[in-house]
C-alpha cells in the first residue's frame, strides 16, 4: 500500500497474519471439577456471555477468599463449645431435678 504526500512516497509495510495480543497468556492451571461444578461454571459463563475460561479468570480476580482459623481462634471455639456443653448439661439437669434444687446445689458448690 503506498500513499503520496508532497512528492514523498510512504510505503506501509503489512505484516501478514493475526495481530499480536497485548497480554499473552502462556501459563496453564489445571483444575479438576465434578460434572456438577463444570455445568454450573459453563451455565454462569453462558449467562454472562463469556467463555468458561474467561468467566473463571474474572471470578478468580473478584472473589474474596477467607483464611482458615488460626490456632488461637480454634482454641477459643473449643472453649466456647465446652461452655455451651456445660450450659446444656445444667439445663438438662434443671429439667430433670427442678430448677430450685439445681440452684441450691450451685450455691453450695460456689461457696466452697
PDB file of N, CA and C in Angstrom:
ATOM      1  N   UNK A   1       0.848  -1.160   0.000  1.00  0.00           N
ATOM      2  CA  UNK A   1       0.000   0.000   0.000  1.00  0.00           C
ATOM      3  C   UNK A   1       0.902   1.234   0.000  1.00  0.00           C
ATOM      4  N   UNK A   2       0.683   2.135  -0.902  1.00  0.00           N
ATOM      5  CA  UNK A   2       1.507   3.338  -0.967  1.00  0.00           C
ATOM      6  C   UNK A   2       0.615   4.567  -0.966  1.00  0.00           C
ATOM      7  N   UNK A   3       1.161   5.627  -0.400  1.00  0.00           N
ATOM      8  CA  UNK A   3       0.450   6.903  -0.378  1.00  0.00           C
ATOM      9  C   UNK A   3       1.451   7.988  -0.751  1.00  0.00           C
ATOM     10  N   UNK A   4       0.995   8.972  -1.499  1.00  0.00           N
ATOM     11  CA  UNK A   4       1.889  10.036  -1.932  1.00  0.00           C
ATOM     12  C   UNK A   4       1.517  11.325  -1.215  1.00  0.00           C
ATOM     13  N   UNK A   5       2.504  11.959  -0.567  1.00  0.00           N
ATOM     14  CA  UNK A   5       2.297  13.213   0.117  1.00  0.00           C
ATOM     15  C   UNK A   5       3.438  14.148  -0.254  1.00  0.00           C
ATOM     16  N   UNK A   6       3.146  15.218  -0.970  1.00  0.00           N
ATOM     17  CA  UNK A   6       4.103  16.231  -1.388  1.00  0.00           C
ATOM     18  C   UNK A   6       5.385  15.623  -1.944  1.00  0.00           C
ATOM     19  N   UNK A   7       5.282  14.878  -2.972  1.00  0.00           N
ATOM     20  CA  UNK A   7       6.379  14.251  -3.686  1.00  0.00           C
ATOM     21  C   UNK A   7       7.151  13.219  -2.871  1.00  0.00           C
ATOM     22  N   UNK A   8       6.610  12.815  -1.721  1.00  0.00           N
ATOM     23  CA  UNK A   8       7.259  11.771  -0.929  1.00  0.00           C
ATOM     24  C   UNK A   8       6.362  10.541  -0.952  1.00  0.00           C
ATOM     25  N   UNK A   9       6.938   9.437  -1.157  1.00  0.00           N
ATOM     26  CA  UNK A   9       6.185   8.196  -1.182  1.00  0.00           C
ATOM     27  C   UNK A   9       6.378   7.476   0.151  1.00  0.00           C
ATOM     28  N   UNK A  10       5.273   7.200   0.821  1.00  0.00           N
ATOM     29  CA  UNK A  10       5.317   6.486   2.093  1.00  0.00           C
ATOM     30  C   UNK A  10       4.787   5.080   1.826  1.00  0.00           C
ATOM     31  N   UNK A  11       5.587   4.107   2.156  1.00  0.00           N
ATOM     32  CA  UNK A  11       5.184   2.728   1.953  1.00  0.00           C
ATOM     33  C   UNK A  11       4.864   2.114   3.318  1.00  0.00           C
ATOM     34  N   UNK A  12       3.665   1.612   3.432  1.00  0.00           N
ATOM     35  CA  UNK A  12       3.238   0.976   4.678  1.00  0.00           C
ATOM     36  C   UNK A  12       3.449  -0.517   4.528  1.00  0.00           C
ATOM     37  N   UNK A  13       4.232  -1.065   5.454  1.00  0.00           N
ATOM     38  CA  UNK A  13       4.528  -2.486   5.403  1.00  0.00           C
ATOM     39  C   UNK A  13       3.437  -3.235   6.156  1.00  0.00           C
ATOM     40  N   UNK A  14       2.848  -4.205   5.492  1.00  0.00           N
ATOM     41  CA  UNK A  14       1.798  -5.005   6.123  1.00  0.00           C
ATOM     42  C   UNK A  14       2.399  -6.307   6.609  1.00  0.00           C
ATOM     43  N   UNK A  15       2.094  -6.610   7.869  1.00  0.00           N
ATOM     44  CA  UNK A  15       2.548  -7.888   8.398  1.00  0.00           C
ATOM     45  C   UNK A  15       1.403  -8.884   8.259  1.00  0.00           C
ATOM     46  N   UNK A  16       1.695 -10.016   7.706  1.00  0.00           N
ATOM     47  CA  UNK A  16       0.626 -10.989   7.499  1.00  0.00           C
ATOM     48  C   UNK A  16       0.218 -11.659   8.820  1.00  0.00           C
ATOM     49  N   UNK A  17      -0.984 -12.146   8.849  1.00  0.00           N
ATOM     50  CA  UNK A  17      -1.455 -12.908   9.998  1.00  0.00           C
ATOM     51  C   UNK A  17      -2.225 -12.075  10.999  1.00  0.00           C
ATOM     52  N   UNK A  18      -2.532 -12.721  12.066  1.00  0.00           N
ATOM     53  CA  UNK A  18      -3.328 -12.118  13.137  1.00  0.00           C
ATOM     54  C   UNK A  18      -2.470 -11.142  13.941  1.00  0.00           C
ATOM     55  N   UNK A  19      -3.050 -10.018  14.379  1.00  0.00           N
ATOM     56  CA  UNK A  19      -2.265  -9.072  15.188  1.00  0.00           C
ATOM     57  C   UNK A  19      -1.873  -9.692  16.528  1.00  0.00           C
ATOM     58  N   UNK A  20      -0.723  -9.293  17.035  1.00  0.00           N
ATOM     59  CA  UNK A  20      -0.231  -9.812  18.308  1.00  0.00           C
ATOM     60  C   UNK A  20      -1.091  -9.275  19.448  1.00  0.00           C
ATOM     61  N   UNK A  21      -1.353 -10.141  20.444  1.00  0.00           N
ATOM     62  CA  UNK A  21      -2.123  -9.731  21.613  1.00  0.00           C
ATOM     63  C   UNK A  21      -1.224  -8.951  22.560  1.00  0.00           C
ATOM     64  N   UNK A  22      -1.832  -7.989  23.264  1.00  0.00           N
ATOM     65  CA  UNK A  22      -1.049  -7.197  24.212  1.00  0.00           C
ATOM     66  C   UNK A  22      -0.720  -8.013  25.460  1.00  0.00           C
ATOM     67  N   UNK A  23      -1.645  -8.863  25.877  1.00  0.00           N
ATOM     68  CA  UNK A  23      -1.405  -9.726  27.027  1.00  0.00           C
ATOM     69  C   UNK A  23      -1.343 -11.158  26.524  1.00  0.00           C
ATOM     70  N   UNK A  24      -0.184 -11.765  26.677  1.00  0.00           N
ATOM     71  CA  UNK A  24      -0.006 -13.128  26.202  1.00  0.00           C
ATOM     72  C   UNK A  24      -0.206 -14.085  27.372  1.00  0.00           C
ATOM     73  N   UNK A  25      -1.132 -14.998  27.225  1.00  0.00           N
ATOM     74  CA  UNK A  25      -1.396 -15.996  28.270  1.00  0.00           C
ATOM     75  C   UNK A  25      -0.652 -17.273  27.899  1.00  0.00           C
ATOM     76  N   UNK A  26       0.431 -17.519  28.614  1.00  0.00           N
ATOM     77  CA  UNK A  26       1.245 -18.680  28.284  1.00  0.00           C
ATOM     78  C   UNK A  26       1.270 -19.730  29.396  1.00  0.00           C
ATOM     79  N   UNK A  27       0.749 -19.416  30.575  1.00  0.00           N
ATOM     80  CA  UNK A  27       0.758 -20.363  31.684  1.00  0.00           C
ATOM     81  C   UNK A  27      -0.571 -21.100  31.768  1.00  0.00           C
ATOM     82  N   UNK A  28      -0.481 -22.348  32.206  1.00  0.00           N
ATOM     83  CA  UNK A  28      -1.667 -23.181  32.342  1.00  0.00           C
ATOM     84  C   UNK A  28      -1.890 -23.508  33.810  1.00  0.00           C
ATOM     85  N   UNK A  29      -3.136 -23.631  34.179  1.00  0.00           N
ATOM     86  CA  UNK A  29      -3.515 -24.077  35.511  1.00  0.00           C
ATOM     87  C   UNK A  29      -4.576 -25.154  35.319  1.00  0.00           C
ATOM     88  N   UNK A  30      -4.239 -26.351  35.723  1.00  0.00           N
ATOM     89  CA  UNK A  30      -5.170 -27.466  35.571  1.00  0.00           C
ATOM     90  C   UNK A  30      -6.051 -27.533  36.816  1.00  0.00           C
ATOM     91  N   UNK A  31      -7.355 -27.596  36.620  1.00  0.00           N
ATOM     92  CA  UNK A  31      -8.309 -27.654  37.716  1.00  0.00           C
ATOM     93  C   UNK A  31      -9.219 -28.846  37.485  1.00  0.00           C
ATOM     94  N   UNK A  32      -9.391 -29.657  38.517  1.00  0.00           N
ATOM     95  CA  UNK A  32     -10.311 -30.788  38.418  1.00  0.00           C
ATOM     96  C   UNK A  32     -11.673 -30.358  38.955  1.00  0.00           C
ATOM     97  N   UNK A  33     -12.709 -30.665  38.213  1.00  0.00           N
ATOM     98  CA  UNK A  33     -14.065 -30.305  38.581  1.00  0.00           C
ATOM     99  C   UNK A  33     -14.959 -31.535  38.541  1.00  0.00           C
ATOM    100  N   UNK A  34     -16.005 -31.494  39.336  1.00  0.00           N
ATOM    101  CA  UNK A  34     -17.035 -32.509  39.194  1.00  0.00           C
ATOM    102  C   UNK A  34     -17.915 -32.092  38.023  1.00  0.00           C
ATOM    103  N   UNK A  35     -18.737 -32.996  37.576  1.00  0.00           N
ATOM    104  CA  UNK A  35     -19.636 -32.686  36.463  1.00  0.00           C
ATOM    105  C   UNK A  35     -20.576 -31.545  36.845  1.00  0.00           C
ATOM    106  N   UNK A  36     -21.052 -31.569  38.086  1.00  0.00           N
ATOM    107  CA  UNK A  36     -21.959 -30.517  38.557  1.00  0.00           C
ATOM    108  C   UNK A  36     -21.264 -29.160  38.553  1.00  0.00           C
ATOM    109  N   UNK A  37     -20.013 -29.109  39.034  1.00  0.00           N
ATOM    110  CA  UNK A  37     -19.267 -27.843  39.053  1.00  0.00           C
ATOM    111  C   UNK A  37     -19.042 -27.317  37.637  1.00  0.00           C
ATOM    112  N   UNK A  38     -18.722 -28.218  36.726  1.00  0.00           N
ATOM    113  CA  UNK A  38     -18.482 -27.804  35.340  1.00  0.00           C
ATOM    114  C   UNK A  38     -19.750 -27.233  34.710  1.00  0.00           C
ATOM    115  N   UNK A  39     -20.874 -27.915  34.924  1.00  0.00           N
ATOM    116  CA  UNK A  39     -22.145 -27.434  34.369  1.00  0.00           C
ATOM    117  C   UNK A  39     -22.497 -26.076  34.967  1.00  0.00           C
ATOM    118  N   UNK A  40     -22.262 -25.909  36.266  1.00  0.00           N
ATOM    119  CA  UNK A  40     -22.536 -24.642  36.933  1.00  0.00           C
ATOM    120  C   UNK A  40     -21.693 -23.516  36.343  1.00  0.00           C
ATOM    121  N   UNK A  41     -20.404 -23.752  36.175  1.00  0.00           N
ATOM    122  CA  UNK A  41     -19.496 -22.727  35.627  1.00  0.00           C
ATOM    123  C   UNK A  41     -19.864 -22.408  34.183  1.00  0.00           C
ATOM    124  N   UNK A  42     -20.125 -23.437  33.379  1.00  0.00           N
ATOM    125  CA  UNK A  42     -20.482 -23.194  31.977  1.00  0.00           C
ATOM    126  C   UNK A  42     -21.799 -22.441  31.867  1.00  0.00           C
ATOM    127  N   UNK A  43     -22.757 -22.756  32.744  1.00  0.00           N
ATOM    128  CA  UNK A  43     -24.041 -22.048  32.726  1.00  0.00           C
ATOM    129  C   UNK A  43     -23.886 -20.583  33.096  1.00  0.00           C
ATOM    130  N   UNK A  44     -23.099 -20.322  34.126  1.00  0.00           N
ATOM    131  CA  UNK A  44     -22.879 -18.927  34.531  1.00  0.00           C
ATOM    132  C   UNK A  44     -22.106 -18.162  33.475  1.00  0.00           C
ATOM    133  N   UNK A  45     -21.151 -18.815  32.833  1.00  0.00           N
ATOM    134  CA  UNK A  45     -20.392 -18.161  31.769  1.00  0.00           C
ATOM    135  C   UNK A  45     -21.300 -17.836  30.589  1.00  0.00           C
ATOM    136  N   UNK A  46     -22.187 -18.755  30.265  1.00  0.00           N
ATOM    137  CA  UNK A  46     -23.107 -18.534  29.146  1.00  0.00           C
ATOM    138  C   UNK A  46     -24.048 -17.370  29.454  1.00  0.00           C
ATOM    139  N   UNK A  47     -24.547 -17.307  30.695  1.00  0.00           N
ATOM    140  CA  UNK A  47     -25.426 -16.198  31.088  1.00  0.00           C
ATOM    141  C   UNK A  47     -24.705 -14.860  31.034  1.00  0.00           C
ATOM    142  N   UNK A  48     -23.398 -14.873  31.310  1.00  0.00           N
ATOM    143  CA  UNK A  48     -22.607 -13.641  31.276  1.00  0.00           C
ATOM    144  C   UNK A  48     -22.119 -13.315  29.871  1.00  0.00           C
ATOM    145  N   UNK A  49     -22.313 -14.240  28.938  1.00  0.00           N
ATOM    146  CA  UNK A  49     -21.858 -14.007  27.567  1.00  0.00           C
ATOM    147  C   UNK A  49     -20.355 -14.163  27.425  1.00  0.00           C
ATOM    148  N   UNK A  50     -19.761 -15.025  28.251  1.00  0.00           N
ATOM    149  CA  UNK A  50     -18.313 -15.228  28.227  1.00  0.00           C
ATOM    150  C   UNK A  50     -18.002 -16.698  27.981  1.00  0.00           C
ATOM    151  N   UNK A  51     -16.756 -16.953  27.605  1.00  0.00           N
ATOM    152  CA  UNK A  51     -16.279 -18.324  27.541  1.00  0.00           C
ATOM    153  C   UNK A  51     -16.017 -18.767  28.978  1.00  0.00           C
ATOM    154  N   UNK A  52     -16.105 -20.060  29.267  1.00  0.00           N
ATOM    155  CA  UNK A  52     -15.873 -20.527  30.642  1.00  0.00           C
ATOM    156  C   UNK A  52     -14.510 -20.123  31.198  1.00  0.00           C
ATOM    157  N   UNK A  53     -13.478 -20.166  30.376  1.00  0.00           N
ATOM    158  CA  UNK A  53     -12.146 -19.797  30.863  1.00  0.00           C
ATOM    159  C   UNK A  53     -12.088 -18.311  31.234  1.00  0.00           C
ATOM    160  N   UNK A  54     -12.733 -17.455  30.437  1.00  0.00           N
ATOM    161  CA  UNK A  54     -12.750 -16.019  30.733  1.00  0.00           C
ATOM    162  C   UNK A  54     -13.567 -15.744  31.991  1.00  0.00           C
ATOM    163  N   UNK A  55     -14.702 -16.427  32.133  1.00  0.00           N
ATOM    164  CA  UNK A  55     -15.525 -16.277  33.344  1.00  0.00           C
ATOM    165  C   UNK A  55     -14.737 -16.705  34.574  1.00  0.00           C
ATOM    166  N   UNK A  56     -14.000 -17.806  34.452  1.00  0.00           N
ATOM    167  CA  UNK A  56     -13.199 -18.323  35.562  1.00  0.00           C
ATOM    168  C   UNK A  56     -12.144 -17.308  35.971  1.00  0.00           C
ATOM    169  N   UNK A  57     -11.472 -16.685  34.997  1.00  0.00           N
ATOM    170  CA  UNK A  57     -10.455 -15.672  35.299  1.00  0.00           C
ATOM    171  C   UNK A  57     -11.059 -14.472  36.019  1.00  0.00           C
ATOM    172  N   UNK A  58     -12.206 -13.988  35.517  1.00  0.00           N
ATOM    173  CA  UNK A  58     -12.857 -12.837  36.154  1.00  0.00           C
ATOM    174  C   UNK A  58     -13.325 -13.184  37.566  1.00  0.00           C
ATOM    175  N   UNK A  59     -13.862 -14.387  37.734  1.00  0.00           N
ATOM    176  CA  UNK A  59     -14.325 -14.804  39.059  1.00  0.00           C
ATOM    177  C   UNK A  59     -13.147 -14.909  40.028  1.00  0.00           C
ATOM    178  N   UNK A  60     -12.020 -15.401  39.558  1.00  0.00           N
ATOM    179  CA  UNK A  60     -10.841 -15.540  40.412  1.00  0.00           C
ATOM    180  C   UNK A  60     -10.299 -14.173  40.830  1.00  0.00           C
ATOM    181  N   UNK A  61     -10.414 -13.176  39.962  1.00  0.00           N
ATOM    182  CA  UNK A  61      -9.917 -11.838  40.289  1.00  0.00           C
ATOM    183  C   UNK A  61     -10.813 -11.116  41.284  1.00  0.00           C
ATOM    184  N   UNK A  62     -12.113 -11.364  41.223  1.00  0.00           N
ATOM    185  CA  UNK A  62     -13.041 -10.564  42.028  1.00  0.00           C
ATOM    186  C   UNK A  62     -13.499 -11.245  43.316  1.00  0.00           C
ATOM    187  N   UNK A  63     -13.170 -12.498  43.522  1.00  0.00           N
ATOM    188  CA  UNK A  63     -13.660 -13.195  44.703  1.00  0.00           C
ATOM    189  C   UNK A  63     -12.798 -12.913  45.925  1.00  0.00           C
ATOM    190  N   UNK A  64     -13.394 -13.090  47.107  1.00  0.00           N
ATOM    191  CA  UNK A  64     -12.655 -12.945  48.357  1.00  0.00           C
ATOM    192  C   UNK A  64     -12.517 -14.324  48.983  1.00  0.00           C
ATOM    193  N   UNK A  65     -11.315 -14.679  49.341  1.00  0.00           N
ATOM    194  CA  UNK A  65     -11.068 -15.958  49.993  1.00  0.00           C
ATOM    195  C   UNK A  65     -10.704 -15.671  51.438  1.00  0.00           C
ATOM    196  N   UNK A  66     -11.419 -16.314  52.345  1.00  0.00           N
ATOM    197  CA  UNK A  66     -11.175 -16.100  53.760  1.00  0.00           C
ATOM    198  C   UNK A  66     -10.204 -17.150  54.268  1.00  0.00           C
ATOM    199  N   UNK A  67      -9.183 -16.741  55.023  1.00  0.00           N
ATOM    200  CA  UNK A  67      -8.204 -17.708  55.523  1.00  0.00           C
ATOM    201  C   UNK A  67      -8.808 -18.611  56.587  1.00  0.00           C
ATOM    202  N   UNK A  68      -8.169 -19.738  56.809  1.00  0.00           N
ATOM    203  CA  UNK A  68      -8.614 -20.646  57.861  1.00  0.00           C
ATOM    204  C   UNK A  68      -8.372 -19.992  59.208  1.00  0.00           C
ATOM    205  N   UNK A  69      -8.985 -20.570  60.237  1.00  0.00           N
ATOM    206  CA  UNK A  69      -8.828 -20.023  61.573  1.00  0.00           C
ATOM    207  C   UNK A  69      -7.413 -20.279  62.080  1.00  0.00           C
ATOM    208  N   UNK A  70      -6.907 -19.338  62.879  1.00  0.00           N
ATOM    209  CA  UNK A  70      -5.594 -19.512  63.486  1.00  0.00           C
ATOM    210  C   UNK A  70      -5.715 -20.492  64.643  1.00  0.00           C
ATOM    211  N   UNK A  71      -4.588 -20.910  65.191  1.00  0.00           N
ATOM    212  CA  UNK A  71      -4.570 -21.840  66.322  1.00  0.00           C
ATOM    213  C   UNK A  71      -5.259 -21.204  67.524  1.00  0.00           C
ATOM    214  N   UNK A  72      -5.030 -19.904  67.721  1.00  0.00           N
ATOM    215  CA  UNK A  72      -5.644 -19.192  68.841  1.00  0.00           C
ATOM    216  C   UNK A  72      -7.164 -19.141  68.690  1.00  0.00           C
ATOM    217  N   UNK A  73      -7.639 -18.839  67.482  1.00  0.00           N
ATOM    218  CA  UNK A  73      -9.084 -18.789  67.246  1.00  0.00           C
ATOM    219  C   UNK A  73      -9.723 -20.163  67.437  1.00  0.00           C
ATOM    220  N   UNK A  74      -9.021 -21.213  67.004  1.00  0.00           N
ATOM    221  CA  UNK A  74      -9.536 -22.567  67.176  1.00  0.00           C
ATOM    222  C   UNK A  74      -9.680 -22.908  68.655  1.00  0.00           C
ATOM    223  N   UNK A  75      -8.707 -22.488  69.474  1.00  0.00           N
ATOM    224  CA  UNK A  75      -8.809 -22.759  70.917  1.00  0.00           C
ATOM    225  C   UNK A  75      -9.977 -21.995  71.534  1.00  0.00           C
ATOM    226  N   UNK A  76     -10.251 -20.782  71.044  1.00  0.00           N
ATOM    227  CA  UNK A  76     -11.409 -20.019  71.542  1.00  0.00           C
ATOM    228  C   UNK A  76     -12.709 -20.751  71.220  1.00  0.00           C
ATOM    229  N   UNK A  77     -12.804 -21.286  70.003  1.00  0.00           N
ATOM    230  CA  UNK A  77     -14.013 -22.008  69.614  1.00  0.00           C
ATOM    231  C   UNK A  77     -14.202 -23.270  70.451  1.00  0.00           C
ATOM    232  N   UNK A  78     -13.090 -23.965  70.754  1.00  0.00           N
ATOM    233  CA  UNK A  78     -13.185 -25.158  71.606  1.00  0.00           C
ATOM    234  C   UNK A  78     -13.663 -24.783  72.998  1.00  0.00           C
ATOM    235  N   UNK A  79     -13.124 -23.669  73.537  1.00  0.00           N
ATOM    236  CA  UNK A  79     -13.531 -23.224  74.872  1.00  0.00           C
ATOM    237  C   UNK A  79     -15.015 -22.846  74.872  1.00  0.00           C
ATOM    238  N   UNK A  80     -15.437 -22.147  73.841  1.00  0.00           N
ATOM    239  CA  UNK A  80     -16.840 -21.752  73.725  1.00  0.00           C
ATOM    240  C   UNK A  80     -17.745 -22.983  73.609  1.00  0.00           C
ATOM    241  N   UNK A  81     -17.297 -23.993  72.861  1.00  0.00           N
ATOM    242  CA  UNK A  81     -18.075 -25.219  72.733  1.00  0.00           C
ATOM    243  C   UNK A  81     -18.171 -25.935  74.078  1.00  0.00           C
ATOM    244  N   UNK A  82     -17.088 -25.908  74.863  1.00  0.00           N
ATOM    245  CA  UNK A  82     -17.103 -26.516  76.196  1.00  0.00           C
ATOM    246  C   UNK A  82     -18.072 -25.807  77.124  1.00  0.00           C
ATOM    247  N   UNK A  83     -18.084 -24.484  77.081  1.00  0.00           N
ATOM    248  CA  UNK A  83     -19.007 -23.700  77.909  1.00  0.00           C
ATOM    249  C   UNK A  83     -20.451 -24.003  77.505  1.00  0.00           C
ATOM    250  N   UNK A  84     -20.697 -24.068  76.201  1.00  0.00           N
ATOM    251  CA  UNK A  84     -22.046 -24.373  75.715  1.00  0.00           C
ATOM    252  C   UNK A  84     -22.473 -25.774  76.151  1.00  0.00           C
ATOM    253  N   UNK A  85     -21.529 -26.713  76.145  1.00  0.00           N
ATOM    254  CA  UNK A  85     -21.836 -28.075  76.578  1.00  0.00           C
ATOM    255  C   UNK A  85     -22.202 -28.093  78.067  1.00  0.00           C
ATOM    256  N   UNK A  86     -21.431 -27.360  78.888  1.00  0.00           N
ATOM    257  CA  UNK A  86     -21.734 -27.289  80.318  1.00  0.00           C
ATOM    258  C   UNK A  86     -23.112 -26.674  80.567  1.00  0.00           C
ATOM    259  N   UNK A  87     -23.425 -25.612  79.845  1.00  0.00           N
ATOM    260  CA  UNK A  87     -24.720 -24.960  79.997  1.00  0.00           C
ATOM    261  C   UNK A  87     -25.849 -25.916  79.596  1.00  0.00           C
ATOM    262  N   UNK A  88     -25.631 -26.674  78.539  1.00  0.00           N
ATOM    263  CA  UNK A  88     -26.624 -27.638  78.090  1.00  0.00           C
ATOM    264  C   UNK A  88     -26.846 -28.723  79.156  1.00  0.00           C
ATOM    265  N   UNK A  89     -25.769 -29.188  79.790  1.00  0.00           N
ATOM    266  CA  UNK A  89     -25.898 -30.197  80.835  1.00  0.00           C
ATOM    267  C   UNK A  89     -26.650 -29.647  82.050  1.00  0.00           C
ATOM    268  N   UNK A  90     -26.355 -28.386  82.434  1.00  0.00           N
ATOM    269  CA  UNK A  90     -27.063 -27.771  83.560  1.00  0.00           C
ATOM    270  C   UNK A  90     -28.552 -27.597  83.245  1.00  0.00           C
ATOM    271  N   UNK A  91     -28.859 -27.212  82.032  1.00  0.00           N
ATOM    272  CA  UNK A  91     -30.253 -27.056  81.630  1.00  0.00           C
ATOM    273  C   UNK A  91     -30.977 -28.405  81.672  1.00  0.00           C
ATOM    274  N   UNK A  92     -30.302 -29.427  81.199  1.00  0.00           N
ATOM    275  CA  UNK A  92     -30.883 -30.771  81.221  1.00  0.00           C
ATOM    276  C   UNK A  92     -31.156 -31.209  82.663  1.00  0.00           C
ATOM    277  N   UNK A  93     -30.198 -30.963  83.563  1.00  0.00           N
ATOM    278  CA  UNK A  93     -30.391 -31.307  84.981  1.00  0.00           C
ATOM    279  C   UNK A  93     -31.520 -30.514  85.613  1.00  0.00           C
ATOM    280  N   UNK A  94     -31.643 -29.245  85.246  1.00  0.00           N
ATOM    281  CA  UNK A  94     -32.712 -28.429  85.825  1.00  0.00           C
ATOM    282  C   UNK A  94     -34.085 -28.924  85.391  1.00  0.00           C
ATOM    283  N   UNK A  95     -34.161 -29.473  84.188  1.00  0.00           N
ATOM    284  CA  UNK A  95     -35.432 -30.030  83.732  1.00  0.00           C
ATOM    285  C   UNK A  95     -35.759 -31.340  84.444  1.00  0.00           C
ATOM    286  N   UNK A  96     -34.732 -32.092  84.776  1.00  0.00           N
ATOM    287  CA  UNK A  96     -34.955 -33.381  85.437  1.00  0.00           C
ATOM    288  C   UNK A  96     -35.232 -33.197  86.933  1.00  0.00           C
ATOM    289  N   UNK A  97     -34.359 -32.459  87.634  1.00  0.00           N
ATOM    290  CA  UNK A  97     -34.444 -32.368  89.091  1.00  0.00           C
ATOM    291  C   UNK A  97     -35.189 -31.127  89.569  1.00  0.00           C
ATOM    292  N   UNK A  98     -35.429 -30.208  88.712  1.00  0.00           N
ATOM    293  CA  UNK A  98     -36.106 -28.978  89.100  1.00  0.00           C
ATOM    294  C   UNK A  98     -35.113 -27.842  89.233  1.00  0.00           C
ATOM    295  N   UNK A  99     -35.551 -26.676  88.923  1.00  0.00           N
ATOM    296  CA  UNK A  99     -34.683 -25.506  88.911  1.00  0.00           C
ATOM    297  C   UNK A  99     -34.241 -25.114  90.320  1.00  0.00           C
ATOM    298  N   UNK A 100     -35.131 -25.207  91.289  1.00  0.00           N
ATOM    299  CA  UNK A 100     -34.806 -24.807  92.663  1.00  0.00           C
ATOM    300  C   UNK A 100     -33.708 -25.701  93.244  1.00  0.00           C
ATOM    301  N   UNK A 101     -33.812 -27.010  93.062  1.00  0.00           N
ATOM    302  CA  UNK A 101     -32.807 -27.945  93.572  1.00  0.00           C
ATOM    303  C   UNK A 101     -31.450 -27.669  92.942  1.00  0.00           C
ATOM    304  N   UNK A 102     -31.424 -27.408  91.660  1.00  0.00           N
ATOM    305  CA  UNK A 102     -30.174 -27.128  90.960  1.00  0.00           C
ATOM    306  C   UNK A 102     -29.568 -25.815  91.452  1.00  0.00           C
ATOM    307  N   UNK A 103     -30.389 -24.813  91.703  1.00  0.00           N
ATOM    308  CA  UNK A 103     -29.888 -23.533  92.200  1.00  0.00           C
ATOM    309  C   UNK A 103     -29.259 -23.704  93.574  1.00  0.00           C
ATOM    310  N   UNK A 104     -29.867 -24.525  94.427  1.00  0.00           N
ATOM    311  CA  UNK A 104     -29.322 -24.757  95.771  1.00  0.00           C
ATOM    312  C   UNK A 104     -27.979 -25.484  95.687  1.00  0.00           C
ATOM    313  N   UNK A 105     -27.872 -26.491  94.820  1.00  0.00           N
ATOM    314  CA  UNK A 105     -26.599 -27.214  94.652  1.00  0.00           C
ATOM    315  C   UNK A 105     -25.522 -26.298  94.097  1.00  0.00           C
ATOM    316  N   UNK A 106     -25.885 -25.419  93.186  1.00  0.00           N
ATOM    317  CA  UNK A 106     -24.928 -24.475  92.605  1.00  0.00           C
ATOM    318  C   UNK A 106     -24.398 -23.534  93.675  1.00  0.00           C
ATOM    319  N   UNK A 107     -25.247 -23.080  94.577  1.00  0.00           N
ATOM    320  CA  UNK A 107     -24.826 -22.189  95.654  1.00  0.00           C
ATOM    321  C   UNK A 107     -23.875 -22.897  96.615  1.00  0.00           C
ATOM    322  N   UNK A 108     -24.169 -24.166  96.884  1.00  0.00           N
ATOM    323  CA  UNK A 108     -23.302 -24.943  97.783  1.00  0.00           C
ATOM    324  C   UNK A 108     -21.904 -25.078  97.188  1.00  0.00           C
ATOM    325  N   UNK A 109     -21.816 -25.348  95.868  1.00  0.00           N
ATOM    326  CA  UNK A 109     -20.519 -25.519  95.232  1.00  0.00           C
ATOM    327  C   UNK A 109     -19.781 -24.210  95.069  1.00  0.00           C
ATOM    328  N   UNK A 110     -20.514 -23.111  94.879  1.00  0.00           N
ATOM    329  CA  UNK A 110     -19.855 -21.820  94.682  1.00  0.00           C
ATOM    330  C   UNK A 110     -19.340 -21.245  96.002  1.00  0.00           C
ATOM    331  N   UNK A 111     -19.906 -21.640  97.145  1.00  0.00           N
ATOM    332  CA  UNK A 111     -19.443 -21.151  98.442  1.00  0.00           C
ATOM    333  C   UNK A 111     -18.213 -21.886  98.950  1.00  0.00           C
ATOM    334  N   UNK A 112     -17.874 -23.031  98.398  1.00  0.00           N
ATOM    335  CA  UNK A 112     -16.739 -23.820  98.877  1.00  0.00           C
ATOM    336  C   UNK A 112     -15.434 -23.248  98.449  1.00  0.00           C
TER     337      UNK A 112
END
